[in-house]
Structure formats: C-alpha cells, structure tokens
C-alpha cells in the first residue's frame, strides 16, 4: 500500500513544479522581446526616413514628405548628377585590393602569433593590443607626411623632396586599409584554439609550415576570415576622410567624396543625396547578407575564445 501511494506523489511532483517555472520565465522573455523591438526601432526608423526622403521632393519634410507623391526617378537623377561610374570604379578597385591584402596579412600575422614560437612574440602581441585603442585619426597626419615624402616616387628625389610622393594615387588610398590590428587579433584568437594535433600530424607527414597554414588551419578558420573580410570591405568602402586628404583630382575621387556634389552653397539636395547614399550602400549590404552566417559564427567563436 505504501509503494502504491508513493508513486503518485513522485509522478505528480515535477508536473506541479514545471508550470510555476514556466510562468516565472514568461515575463522575462517578454521584457527581452520588448527591448529587442525597441532596439530594432532605433535603427529602423532613421533608415525608413532616409528611404522616404530619397523618394520625396527636396522641399518635403515631416508630414509633407510624400505630399507630392513618390519620385523613384530620384535614384536615376542622383547617379547622373556626377561621374558616379568613375567614382564607383575607384572605390571598387581600392576596396577589393585593400580588403584582399588585409585578409591575407591578418591571416599570416595571426597564425604567426598563435602557432609559431619566436623571440619577442609577447612584445609584438602587446603592441598589437595597444594599437586596438589608437584611433585612426591619430596616425593620419604622420602617415600622410610619410606617403607624400616617399623617396623616388611622385617626382620626389632620394630625400623625399620636390614632388607629391604617393599623393593622388591608388596605392596611397589603399595604404591605411592594407593591414588592421583588429583583423590580426581576431585571426590570432581563432588560430590559437585550433587543435595542435593537426599541425603535428602534418609535420610528421613532411608538410611545410606554409602548407600547414594554408591547407590545414586557414580553411578551419573560415568564419573568422569572413568577419575580417566584411570589416575590411566596410571600412575601405565607407572611408571619407582619408580619400579627402589624399586626392587632388576628380579622376581619383571615390564614392564617398562624390556625395559632396549634392552640397551646394545655399542649399542641399537632400532627396538626391539620400538616394545616392542608398545606392552606394548596396554592395556592403549584399556582402553582409551573403556572409551573415559566417559572420555570426565567427563573432560568437571569437567571443567564446
């Protein structure tokens, strides 16, 4: 009799506890969903306003944004307002080449700091971490002086005088984006937690360090490579200040500089400006959508490591 009476108590006990736990968790999830929706609205509402201005008239604002109807032709007018085809080609060349170089250099440097023992590795890593907190604007003036005084280039003599150096050149536009301390650090954090046994087994089979790096470890670090590629592309594509000080002719201007054509002395063509902003944002959005899965996994893996 005792055994029969005890069984219902054991079986009904958890059933009574689970609904209480579920009831306690629901308010917490509701708050999280509300906060997530609020954060989404903070980013979504300004973007919707940009789209509204791009489809409206230049004088429309606020409640009268669509008083005159929609004007999708603003996108065509914006692209025809300046030589945006040339600006697009310049931005594409600078961004693709510099992003590819940054990914390759970040992988090589990150692998060396994670997998190769050499004298002074800790000092190099400490300097790399210190560079993470240095704003790019701090090194902009020294870098500009170095590039404009580069010997034997751009009309300069062996002492770096007499010409412009790398001023108004494609390579001069690429230099700040060829390497990144953040990219090297992310790749190092990913490489360092990959199994050592993979490299040891490859060395026993006679593989060189270069082959181990490219064919064994780097394919496993593809999520981190995707993160570095997206960040490098976005940084080079959206850069405005460096092309502003490094270009002297209209033929070398990038898309970000081309947006200044809509700023006039007495007024600003806001509808055409916003239309152009949406157009030049398409490559970055497309790249992020294609690499979103790898981007998310790479960020989570880097945080876990």
Protein backbone atom coordinates (compact mmCIF):
# COMPACT_ATOMS: atom_id res chain seq x y z
CA UNK A 1 0.00 0.00 0.00
CA UNK A 2 2.79 2.40 0.83
CA UNK A 3 4.51 1.81 -2.51
CA UNK A 4 1.31 2.45 -4.42
CA UNK A 5 0.69 5.68 -2.51
CA UNK A 6 4.23 6.95 -3.02
CA UNK A 7 4.19 6.60 -6.83
CA UNK A 8 1.57 9.32 -7.50
CA UNK A 9 3.46 11.72 -5.26
CA UNK A 10 6.71 11.14 -7.25
CA UNK A 11 4.98 11.46 -10.61
CA UNK A 12 2.82 14.48 -9.78
CA UNK A 13 5.60 16.41 -8.07
CA UNK A 14 7.50 17.61 -11.19
CA UNK A 15 4.24 18.26 -13.03
CA UNK A 16 3.27 20.77 -10.37
CA UNK A 17 6.68 22.47 -10.38
CA UNK A 18 7.15 22.91 -14.16
CA UNK A 19 4.19 25.27 -14.76
CA UNK A 20 5.42 27.54 -11.97
CA UNK A 21 8.88 27.76 -13.56
CA UNK A 22 7.35 28.41 -16.95
CA UNK A 23 5.18 31.17 -15.50
CA UNK A 24 8.23 32.80 -13.93
CA UNK A 25 10.18 32.79 -17.21
CA UNK A 26 7.49 34.27 -19.40
CA UNK A 27 7.68 37.85 -18.05
CA UNK A 28 11.47 37.83 -18.53
CA UNK A 29 11.17 36.74 -22.15
CA UNK A 30 8.51 39.37 -22.78
CA UNK A 31 10.85 42.09 -21.49
CA UNK A 32 13.67 40.84 -23.69
CA UNK A 33 11.41 40.84 -26.75
CA UNK A 34 10.25 44.38 -25.93
CA UNK A 35 13.85 45.59 -25.59
CA UNK A 36 14.80 43.86 -28.86
CA UNK A 37 11.91 45.54 -30.68
CA UNK A 38 12.89 48.91 -29.21
CA UNK A 39 16.49 48.50 -30.36
CA UNK A 40 15.30 47.49 -33.83
CA UNK A 41 13.09 50.57 -33.97
CA UNK A 42 16.04 52.81 -33.05
CA UNK A 43 17.88 51.59 -36.16
CA UNK A 44 14.90 51.03 -38.44
CA UNK A 45 13.08 54.36 -38.07
CA UNK A 46 16.02 56.53 -39.28
CA UNK A 47 16.56 54.14 -42.19
CA UNK A 48 12.91 54.38 -43.18
CA UNK A 49 13.19 58.17 -43.02
CA UNK A 50 16.20 58.05 -45.37
CA UNK A 51 14.16 55.98 -47.83
CA UNK A 52 11.27 58.44 -47.50
CA UNK A 53 13.49 61.45 -48.20
CA UNK A 54 15.05 59.67 -51.19
CA UNK A 55 11.58 59.10 -52.69
CA UNK A 56 10.26 62.58 -51.90
CA UNK A 57 10.94 66.10 -53.09
CA UNK A 58 13.76 68.27 -51.90
CA UNK A 59 11.41 70.62 -50.04
CA UNK A 60 9.28 67.93 -48.44
CA UNK A 61 9.81 67.15 -44.79
CA UNK A 62 7.95 65.70 -41.87
CA UNK A 63 4.26 65.07 -42.50
CA UNK A 64 4.54 66.53 -46.03
CA UNK A 65 7.21 64.04 -47.05
CA UNK A 66 5.01 62.33 -49.64
CA UNK A 67 2.65 65.23 -50.33
CA UNK A 68 3.74 65.31 -53.98
CA UNK A 69 3.80 61.54 -54.37
CA UNK A 70 6.70 59.17 -54.76
CA UNK A 71 9.64 60.02 -57.02
CA UNK A 72 11.69 56.89 -57.78
CA UNK A 73 13.39 58.82 -60.57
CA UNK A 74 15.48 60.47 -57.86
CA UNK A 75 17.77 57.44 -57.92
CA UNK A 76 18.46 57.94 -61.64
CA UNK A 77 18.97 61.68 -61.20
CA UNK A 78 21.34 61.11 -58.30
CA UNK A 79 23.50 58.72 -60.33
CA UNK A 80 23.57 61.19 -63.25
CA UNK A 81 24.44 64.23 -61.13
CA UNK A 82 28.15 63.41 -61.25
CA UNK A 83 30.56 60.88 -62.73
CA UNK A 84 29.49 58.17 -60.29
CA UNK A 85 30.56 55.41 -62.67
CA UNK A 86 34.16 56.57 -62.31
CA UNK A 87 33.78 57.02 -58.55
CA UNK A 88 32.35 53.52 -58.29
CA UNK A 89 35.29 52.06 -60.24
CA UNK A 90 37.77 53.87 -57.98
CA UNK A 91 36.03 52.71 -54.80
CA UNK A 92 35.73 49.15 -56.08
CA UNK A 93 39.42 48.96 -57.01
CA UNK A 94 40.65 50.43 -53.73
CA UNK A 95 38.25 48.39 -51.60
CA UNK A 96 38.71 44.99 -53.24
CA UNK A 97 42.52 45.14 -53.41
CA UNK A 98 42.98 46.56 -49.91
CA UNK A 99 40.45 44.13 -48.39
CA UNK A 100 42.14 41.13 -50.01
CA UNK A 101 45.55 42.29 -48.76
CA UNK A 102 44.19 42.90 -45.27
CA UNK A 103 42.65 39.43 -45.08
CA UNK A 104 45.85 37.74 -46.25
CA UNK A 105 48.11 39.76 -43.95
CA UNK A 106 45.74 39.28 -40.99
CA UNK A 107 45.73 35.51 -41.52
CA UNK A 108 49.51 35.31 -41.83
CA UNK A 109 50.22 37.56 -38.85
CA UNK A 110 47.54 35.92 -36.71
CA UNK A 111 48.89 32.46 -37.49
CA UNK A 112 52.45 33.53 -36.65
CA UNK A 113 51.39 35.00 -33.29
CA UNK A 114 49.32 31.92 -32.44
CA UNK A 115 51.33 28.99 -33.81
CA UNK A 116 54.98 30.00 -34.26
CA UNK A 117 57.30 30.49 -31.29
CA UNK A 118 59.73 33.31 -31.94
CA UNK A 119 61.67 35.71 -29.77
CA UNK A 120 59.65 38.79 -28.84
CA UNK A 121 56.26 37.29 -29.64
CA UNK A 122 54.77 38.55 -26.39
CA UNK A 123 56.09 42.05 -27.06
CA UNK A 124 54.58 42.06 -30.54
CA UNK A 125 51.25 40.84 -29.17
CA UNK A 126 51.27 43.55 -26.51
CA UNK A 127 51.95 46.21 -29.13
CA UNK A 128 49.12 44.82 -31.26
CA UNK A 129 46.68 45.03 -28.37
CA UNK A 130 47.82 48.59 -27.67
CA UNK A 131 47.10 49.55 -31.29
CA UNK A 132 43.48 48.48 -30.84
CA UNK A 133 42.77 51.55 -28.70
CA UNK A 134 44.53 54.04 -31.01
CA UNK A 135 42.04 55.99 -33.17
CA UNK A 136 42.85 56.08 -36.90
CA UNK A 137 42.84 59.89 -36.83
CA UNK A 138 45.92 59.86 -34.59
CA UNK A 139 48.15 58.29 -37.25
CA UNK A 140 46.55 60.07 -40.21
CA UNK A 141 48.83 63.12 -40.24
CA UNK A 142 52.11 61.17 -39.78
CA UNK A 143 51.02 58.67 -42.44
CA UNK A 144 50.18 61.49 -44.83
CA UNK A 145 53.63 63.04 -44.36
CA UNK A 146 55.36 59.67 -44.88
CA UNK A 147 53.46 58.93 -48.09
CA UNK A 148 53.91 62.40 -49.58
CA UNK A 149 57.65 62.37 -48.75
CA UNK A 150 58.25 58.88 -50.09
CA UNK A 151 61.62 58.87 -51.93
CA UNK A 152 61.80 58.46 -55.71
CA UNK A 153 58.03 58.42 -56.22
CA UNK A 154 55.69 61.11 -57.50
CA UNK A 155 58.53 63.39 -58.53
CA UNK A 156 60.39 63.15 -55.20
CA UNK A 157 64.16 62.89 -55.09
CA UNK A 158 66.07 60.43 -52.94
CA UNK A 159 65.45 62.66 -49.91
CA UNK A 160 61.68 62.78 -50.46
CA UNK A 161 61.51 66.37 -51.67
CA UNK A 162 60.33 68.01 -54.87
CA UNK A 163 57.11 66.10 -55.58
CA UNK A 164 53.96 64.59 -54.13
CA UNK A 165 55.07 61.05 -53.41
CA UNK A 166 52.07 58.71 -53.28
CA UNK A 167 49.63 61.62 -53.20
CA UNK A 168 46.69 61.21 -55.58
CA UNK A 169 47.48 57.56 -56.33
CA UNK A 170 45.52 54.34 -55.87
CA UNK A 171 48.20 52.83 -53.67
CA UNK A 172 48.13 55.90 -51.46
CA UNK A 173 44.39 55.41 -50.97
CA UNK A 174 44.90 51.74 -50.09
CA UNK A 175 47.70 52.08 -47.52
CA UNK A 176 45.58 52.61 -44.33
CA UNK A 177 43.41 49.59 -45.21
CA UNK A 178 46.15 47.11 -46.13
CA UNK A 179 46.58 45.95 -42.53
CA UNK A 180 44.46 46.07 -39.39
CA UNK A 181 45.35 45.39 -35.77
CA UNK A 182 41.79 44.22 -35.13
CA UNK A 183 41.96 41.77 -38.03
CA UNK A 184 45.25 40.31 -36.83
CA UNK A 185 43.92 39.99 -33.28
CA UNK A 186 40.72 38.24 -34.40
CA UNK A 187 42.64 35.76 -36.53
CA UNK A 188 45.15 35.11 -33.74
CA UNK A 189 42.35 34.38 -31.26
CA UNK A 190 40.82 31.90 -33.69
CA UNK A 191 44.05 30.15 -34.68
CA UNK A 192 45.26 29.72 -31.11
CA UNK A 193 42.37 27.44 -30.10
CA UNK A 194 42.55 25.10 -33.08
CA UNK A 195 43.93 21.62 -32.21
CA UNK A 196 47.73 21.31 -32.12
CA UNK A 197 47.49 17.68 -33.23
CA UNK A 198 46.55 18.75 -36.76
CA UNK A 199 49.79 20.60 -37.28
CA UNK A 200 51.88 17.92 -35.61
CA UNK A 201 50.40 15.18 -37.79
CA UNK A 202 51.04 17.24 -40.92
CA UNK A 203 54.67 17.84 -39.91
CA UNK A 204 55.19 14.12 -39.45
CA UNK A 205 53.92 13.65 -43.00
CA UNK A 206 56.51 16.14 -44.24
CA UNK A 207 54.27 19.18 -44.75
CA UNK A 208 55.90 22.58 -44.59
CA UNK A 209 54.73 25.32 -42.23
CA UNK A 210 53.43 27.27 -45.20
CA UNK A 211 51.31 24.32 -46.34
CA UNK A 212 50.04 23.70 -42.81
CA UNK A 213 48.98 27.33 -42.62
CA UNK A 214 47.14 27.47 -45.98
CA UNK A 215 45.70 23.98 -46.34
CA UNK A 216 45.00 22.85 -42.78
CA UNK A 217 44.43 25.70 -40.34
CA UNK A 218 43.14 28.51 -42.56
CA UNK A 219 40.17 26.51 -44.01
CA UNK A 220 39.11 25.77 -40.42
CA UNK A 221 39.28 29.49 -39.62
CA UNK A 222 36.96 30.49 -42.47
CA UNK A 223 34.33 32.08 -40.14
CA UNK A 224 36.99 34.42 -38.75
CA UNK A 225 38.23 35.13 -42.28
CA UNK A 226 34.69 36.13 -43.26
CA UNK A 227 34.49 38.52 -40.30
CA UNK A 228 37.78 40.18 -41.22
CA UNK A 229 36.74 40.41 -44.89
CA UNK A 230 33.41 42.10 -44.09
CA UNK A 231 35.02 44.56 -41.67
CA UNK A 232 37.83 45.35 -44.13
CA UNK A 233 35.41 45.88 -47.02
CA UNK A 234 33.13 48.10 -44.96
CA UNK A 235 36.00 50.20 -43.63
CA UNK A 236 37.55 50.83 -47.05
CA UNK A 237 34.23 51.34 -48.87
CA UNK A 238 32.86 53.87 -46.38
CA UNK A 239 36.10 55.78 -45.82
CA UNK A 240 35.72 59.50 -46.44
CA UNK A 241 38.42 61.40 -44.56
CA UNK A 242 41.48 59.63 -45.98
CA UNK A 243 40.44 59.98 -49.66
CA UNK A 244 39.60 63.60 -48.93
CA UNK A 245 43.18 64.45 -47.95
CA UNK A 246 44.91 62.08 -50.41
CA UNK A 247 43.16 63.03 -53.67
CA UNK A 248 43.76 66.17 -55.70
CA UNK A 249 41.89 65.43 -58.93
CA UNK A 250 38.35 64.45 -59.79
CA UNK A 251 39.61 61.30 -61.54
CA UNK A 252 40.81 59.81 -58.24
CA UNK A 253 37.76 60.55 -56.12
CA UNK A 254 35.75 57.76 -54.51
CA UNK A 255 32.01 57.39 -53.99
CA UNK A 256 32.06 58.96 -50.55
CA UNK A 257 33.68 62.10 -51.96
CA UNK A 258 31.22 62.09 -54.83
CA UNK A 259 28.38 62.68 -52.36
CA UNK A 260 29.65 66.23 -51.80
CA UNK A 261 28.26 67.21 -55.22
CA UNK A 262 24.83 67.49 -53.60
CA UNK A 263 26.03 70.06 -51.07
CA UNK A 264 25.64 73.47 -52.65
CA UNK A 265 26.48 76.90 -51.30
CA UNK A 266 22.97 77.93 -50.31
CA UNK A 267 21.11 74.61 -50.20
CA UNK A 268 21.44 70.84 -50.14
CA UNK A 269 19.67 68.40 -52.45
CA UNK A 270 18.60 66.07 -49.66
CA UNK A 271 16.44 63.80 -51.81
CA UNK A 272 19.22 63.13 -54.33
CA UNK A 273 21.77 62.82 -51.55
CA UNK A 274 19.76 60.17 -49.72
CA UNK A 275 19.09 58.35 -52.97
CA UNK A 276 22.83 58.23 -53.67
CA UNK A 277 23.51 57.04 -50.11
CA UNK A 278 21.12 54.13 -50.58
CA UNK A 279 22.71 53.22 -53.91
CA UNK A 280 26.28 53.13 -52.62
CA UNK A 281 25.17 51.15 -49.55
CA UNK A 282 24.03 48.20 -51.68
CA UNK A 283 27.46 46.46 -52.01
CA UNK A 284 28.04 46.45 -48.25
CA UNK A 285 24.52 45.16 -47.54
CA UNK A 286 24.82 42.43 -50.17
CA UNK A 287 28.21 41.33 -48.84
CA UNK A 288 26.89 41.17 -45.29
CA UNK A 289 23.83 39.17 -46.33
CA UNK A 290 25.98 36.62 -48.16
CA UNK A 291 28.41 36.33 -45.26
CA UNK A 292 25.93 36.70 -42.42
CA UNK A 293 26.07 33.04 -41.38
CA UNK A 294 29.87 33.02 -41.27
CA UNK A 295 29.94 36.48 -39.72
CA UNK A 296 27.71 35.44 -36.81
CA UNK A 297 29.58 32.17 -36.19
CA UNK A 298 32.92 33.96 -36.34
CA UNK A 299 31.88 36.63 -33.85
CA UNK A 300 30.43 34.04 -31.44
CA UNK A 301 33.51 31.83 -31.75
CA UNK A 302 35.80 34.79 -31.13
CA UNK A 303 33.81 35.77 -28.07
CA UNK A 304 33.94 32.21 -26.69
CA UNK A 305 37.67 32.02 -27.21
